[in-house]
């Protein structure tokens, strides 16, 4: 009887594969993380760099005395 139970359990474990997440779901999670990371990076980079000023504005002939 015990031998028959072992064989039945082995057959059941081979018949039911392990459940894994759907690959498309993991791809969607990866893309979402990349988008969030990119937006955070852009927000930090926008605050870290000063606004560019044009040096040509201060040397125009109209501003000279």
Protein backbone atom coordinates (compact mmCIF):
# COMPACT_ATOMS: atom_id res chain seq x y z
CA UNK A 1 0.00 0.00 0.00
CA UNK A 2 2.80 2.41 0.85
CA UNK A 3 4.53 1.70 -2.45
CA UNK A 4 1.38 2.55 -4.38
CA UNK A 5 1.06 5.87 -2.45
CA UNK A 6 4.62 6.88 -3.34
CA UNK A 7 4.04 6.19 -7.01
CA UNK A 8 0.80 8.17 -6.99
CA UNK A 9 2.46 11.18 -5.34
CA UNK A 10 5.32 11.09 -7.84
CA UNK A 11 2.90 10.93 -10.76
CA UNK A 12 0.90 13.84 -9.39
CA UNK A 13 3.99 15.99 -8.89
CA UNK A 14 5.13 15.33 -12.46
CA UNK A 15 1.66 16.05 -13.83
CA UNK A 16 1.33 19.46 -12.12
CA UNK A 17 4.18 21.78 -13.06
CA UNK A 18 5.33 24.51 -10.69
CA UNK A 19 3.35 27.71 -10.99
CA UNK A 20 5.43 30.62 -12.18
CA UNK A 21 4.42 34.13 -13.04
CA UNK A 22 3.42 34.81 -16.59
CA UNK A 23 6.44 36.17 -18.55
CA UNK A 24 4.37 39.05 -19.91
CA UNK A 25 3.53 40.10 -16.36
CA UNK A 26 7.19 40.18 -15.39
CA UNK A 27 8.00 42.16 -18.52
CA UNK A 28 5.30 44.68 -17.61
CA UNK A 29 6.70 44.99 -14.08
CA UNK A 30 10.19 45.54 -15.47
CA UNK A 31 8.99 48.25 -17.87
CA UNK A 32 7.07 49.96 -15.07
CA UNK A 33 10.17 50.01 -12.87
CA UNK A 34 12.25 51.45 -15.70
CA UNK A 35 9.69 54.20 -16.32
CA UNK A 36 9.54 55.09 -12.63
CA UNK A 37 13.33 55.14 -12.41
CA UNK A 38 13.62 57.29 -15.51
CA UNK A 39 11.12 59.83 -14.22
CA UNK A 40 12.84 60.05 -10.82
CA UNK A 41 16.19 60.51 -12.55
CA UNK A 42 14.81 63.31 -14.74
CA UNK A 43 13.32 65.10 -11.72
CA UNK A 44 16.61 64.93 -9.84
CA UNK A 45 18.63 66.01 -12.88
CA UNK A 46 16.30 68.99 -13.51
CA UNK A 47 16.83 70.30 -9.98
CA UNK A 48 20.58 69.64 -9.91
CA UNK A 49 21.55 71.65 -12.99
CA UNK A 50 21.14 75.43 -13.06
CA UNK A 51 19.30 77.10 -15.90
CA UNK A 52 21.55 77.97 -18.82
CA UNK A 53 22.06 81.65 -19.45
CA UNK A 54 23.11 82.97 -22.79
CA UNK A 55 26.37 84.99 -22.67
CA UNK A 56 25.36 86.68 -25.93
CA UNK A 57 22.62 88.64 -24.11
CA UNK A 58 25.13 90.61 -22.02
CA UNK A 59 27.37 91.57 -24.97
CA UNK A 60 24.78 92.92 -27.37
CA UNK A 61 25.56 96.39 -28.78
CA UNK A 62 22.27 97.82 -27.48
CA UNK A 63 23.29 97.14 -23.87
CA UNK A 64 26.67 98.87 -24.15
CA UNK A 65 26.84 102.56 -23.06
